[in-house]
Amino acid sequence: MRELFILRHAKSSWDDPALSDFDRPLNHRGKEDAPMMGKHLATIGVDPDLIVSSPAKRAKKTAKIVAEKLGYDPQKIVYSETIYEASPQSLLYLVCQFPENAKRVMLVGHNPGLTQLANILGDITIDNIPTAGIVAIAFDTSKWEEACRMKGHTLFFEYPKKIKEKGTK
């Protein structure tokens, strides 16, 4: 069994037009949503063996915040240039290369690639993974090389607005 957690970075700031897209930080909402999602994921038992993130500033910060809430050492996050502005095919190739000793992997990155990846690998259709949203997909195989070539079972699709709505009921 393999589990893939596809996490889109939290909401980023557009306040400084001089910053490159790569260097945009999280905005106020992103700084609130990332820890909230991390806490929620910890509550439902998400426990990745490996976190792989885009090196873009907003993705790195999201990965670090979520890792801390999950009890995952942020120093062990692996940053891959491949994830930034990646096509779904590039992301699939990356999934195929995940180490076999990591049964549960969290991939932190950007749209539209992440939503497309979730639709290729999962068994539900998702229009858009919102910022700080996460899709979990399980694969009935012991090899990532096989998981990246098959349809998995979508375990959940969570995002900040949905979590906040649950909390008010």
Protein backbone atom coordinates (compact mmCIF):
# COMPACT_ATOMS: atom_id res chain seq x y z
CA MET A 1 0.00 0.00 0.00
CA ARG A 2 1.20 3.50 -0.91
CA GLU A 3 -0.38 6.81 0.07
CA LEU A 4 0.15 10.10 -1.73
CA PHE A 5 -0.86 13.39 -0.13
CA ILE A 6 -1.08 16.17 -2.74
CA LEU A 7 -0.93 19.53 -0.94
CA ARG A 8 -1.25 22.86 -2.70
CA HIS A 9 0.65 25.74 -1.09
CA ALA A 10 -1.33 28.15 1.11
CA LYS A 11 -2.55 31.53 -0.16
CA SER A 12 0.28 33.77 -1.32
CA SER A 13 0.75 37.51 -1.37
CA TRP A 14 0.66 39.68 -4.47
CA ASP A 15 1.45 42.86 -2.48
CA ASP A 16 4.93 43.40 -3.92
CA PRO A 17 4.78 43.51 -7.74
CA ALA A 18 8.60 43.64 -7.85
CA LEU A 19 8.85 40.07 -6.48
CA SER A 20 9.14 37.21 -8.92
CA ASP A 21 6.42 34.56 -8.78
CA PHE A 22 8.96 32.16 -7.27
CA ASP A 23 9.65 34.52 -4.34
CA ARG A 24 6.08 35.38 -3.35
CA PRO A 25 5.49 34.76 0.39
CA LEU A 26 2.33 33.61 2.14
CA ASN A 27 -0.25 36.28 2.83
CA HIS A 28 -2.19 36.69 6.09
CA ARG A 29 -4.81 34.08 5.14
CA GLY A 30 -2.09 31.65 4.04
CA LYS A 31 -0.33 32.06 7.40
CA GLU A 32 -3.61 31.12 9.13
CA ASP A 33 -4.69 28.32 6.80
CA ALA A 34 -1.41 26.39 6.67
CA PRO A 35 -1.22 25.67 10.44
CA MET A 36 -4.97 24.99 10.58
CA MET A 37 -4.62 22.40 7.82
CA GLY A 38 -1.55 20.92 9.51
CA LYS A 39 -3.47 20.51 12.78
CA HIS A 40 -6.42 18.98 10.94
CA LEU A 41 -4.18 16.52 9.11
CA ALA A 42 -2.54 15.52 12.39
CA THR A 43 -5.99 14.97 13.92
CA ILE A 44 -7.02 12.59 11.13
CA GLY A 45 -3.76 10.66 11.36
CA VAL A 46 -1.75 11.85 8.37
CA ASP A 47 1.83 10.74 9.04
CA PRO A 48 4.08 11.07 5.98
CA ASP A 49 7.36 9.20 5.74
CA LEU A 50 8.61 11.84 3.30
CA ILE A 51 7.65 15.39 2.34
CA VAL A 52 8.76 16.64 -1.09
CA SER A 53 8.16 20.31 -1.86
CA SER A 54 8.60 22.90 -4.53
CA PRO A 55 11.41 25.29 -3.55
CA ALA A 56 9.21 28.34 -4.26
CA LYS A 57 8.94 30.49 -1.13
CA ARG A 58 5.18 30.00 -0.57
CA ALA A 59 5.42 26.21 -1.03
CA LYS A 60 8.47 25.90 1.25
CA LYS A 61 6.73 27.85 4.01
CA THR A 62 3.55 25.80 3.67
CA ALA A 63 5.55 22.55 3.78
CA LYS A 64 7.47 23.67 6.88
CA ILE A 65 4.34 24.76 8.76
CA VAL A 66 2.42 21.58 7.94
CA ALA A 67 5.47 19.39 8.72
CA GLU A 68 5.79 20.95 12.17
CA LYS A 69 2.10 20.34 12.93
CA LEU A 70 2.51 16.71 11.85
CA GLY A 71 5.62 16.17 13.98
CA TYR A 72 7.76 15.78 10.85
CA ASP A 73 11.22 17.34 11.07
CA PRO A 74 11.19 20.31 8.63
CA GLN A 75 14.94 19.77 8.09
CA LYS A 76 14.07 16.49 6.35
CA ILE A 77 11.83 18.09 3.70
CA VAL A 78 13.22 17.40 0.23
CA TYR A 79 13.00 20.30 -2.23
CA SER A 80 12.65 19.51 -5.91
CA GLU A 81 12.94 22.13 -8.66
CA THR A 82 10.86 19.78 -10.82
CA ILE A 83 7.68 20.67 -8.90
CA TYR A 84 7.70 24.41 -9.63
CA GLU A 85 5.58 25.07 -12.76
CA ALA A 86 5.49 21.30 -13.41
CA SER A 87 3.29 19.60 -15.94
CA PRO A 88 1.24 16.65 -14.68
CA GLN A 89 3.58 14.36 -16.65
CA SER A 90 6.62 15.75 -14.78
CA LEU A 91 4.82 15.25 -11.48
CA LEU A 92 3.90 11.67 -12.43
CA TYR A 93 7.53 10.97 -13.25
CA LEU A 94 8.53 12.39 -9.85
CA VAL A 95 6.01 10.12 -8.09
CA CYS A 96 7.50 7.13 -9.96
CA GLN A 97 10.90 8.04 -8.47
CA PHE A 98 9.82 8.24 -4.81
CA PRO A 99 11.96 5.95 -2.62
CA GLU A 100 10.41 2.58 -1.88
CA ASN A 101 11.06 2.95 1.87
CA ALA A 102 8.65 5.94 1.93
CA LYS A 103 5.17 4.43 1.95
CA ARG A 104 3.36 7.71 2.63
CA VAL A 105 4.59 10.77 0.71
CA MET A 106 3.36 14.36 0.81
CA LEU A 107 3.92 16.39 -2.35
CA VAL A 108 3.69 20.18 -1.86
CA GLY A 109 3.38 22.36 -4.91
CA HIS A 110 1.28 24.39 -7.29
CA ASN A 111 -1.71 24.40 -9.61
CA PRO A 112 -2.65 23.58 -12.25
CA GLY A 113 -0.25 20.61 -12.11
CA LEU A 114 -1.39 19.30 -8.72
CA THR A 115 -5.08 19.28 -9.60
CA GLN A 116 -4.30 17.54 -12.88
CA LEU A 117 -2.15 14.97 -11.04
CA ALA A 118 -4.95 14.29 -8.53
CA ASN A 119 -7.36 13.70 -11.42
CA ILE A 120 -4.97 11.36 -13.22
CA LEU A 121 -4.23 9.25 -10.14
CA GLY A 122 -7.42 9.51 -8.09
CA ASP A 123 -10.86 8.03 -8.63
CA ILE A 124 -12.84 11.26 -8.27
CA THR A 125 -12.84 14.39 -10.44
CA ILE A 126 -11.65 17.58 -8.79
CA ASP A 127 -12.17 20.93 -10.53
CA ASN A 128 -9.56 22.74 -8.47
CA ILE A 129 -7.47 22.09 -5.39
CA PRO A 130 -7.78 25.41 -3.55
CA THR A 131 -4.84 26.97 -1.73
CA ALA A 132 -3.88 24.85 1.31
CA GLY A 133 -6.12 22.09 -0.04
CA ILE A 134 -5.02 18.46 0.07
CA VAL A 135 -6.01 15.28 -1.74
CA ALA A 136 -5.04 11.87 -0.34
CA ILE A 137 -4.85 8.90 -2.68
CA ALA A 138 -4.12 5.28 -1.73
CA PHE A 139 -2.63 2.75 -4.13
CA ASP A 140 -2.91 -1.01 -3.80
CA THR A 141 0.75 -1.66 -4.58
CA SER A 142 4.08 -1.77 -2.77
CA LYS A 143 5.97 0.16 -5.46
CA TRP A 144 5.81 3.82 -6.44
CA GLU A 145 6.86 2.76 -9.93
CA GLU A 146 3.50 0.97 -10.17
CA ALA A 147 1.48 3.57 -8.23
CA CYS A 148 2.31 6.30 -10.73
CA ARG A 149 0.80 4.19 -13.53
CA MET A 150 -2.49 3.21 -11.91
CA LYS A 151 -5.72 4.67 -10.58
CA GLY A 152 -5.70 4.91 -6.84
CA HIS A 153 -8.55 5.36 -4.39
CA THR A 154 -9.13 8.93 -3.25
CA LEU A 155 -9.25 8.81 0.55
CA PHE A 156 -10.15 12.45 1.13
CA PHE A 157 -10.16 15.94 -0.33
CA GLU A 158 -9.90 18.63 2.34
CA TYR A 159 -9.39 22.39 2.15
CA PRO A 160 -9.59 25.34 4.56
CA LYS A 161 -13.15 26.48 3.77
CA LYS A 162 -14.47 22.93 4.25
CA ILE A 163 -12.61 22.54 7.57
CA LYS A 164 -13.86 25.92 8.81
CA GLU A 165 -17.45 25.00 7.88
CA LYS A 166 -17.15 21.71 9.79
CA GLY A 167 -15.93 23.63 12.84
CA THR A 168 -19.00 25.88 12.90
CA LYS A 169 -21.53 23.03 12.94
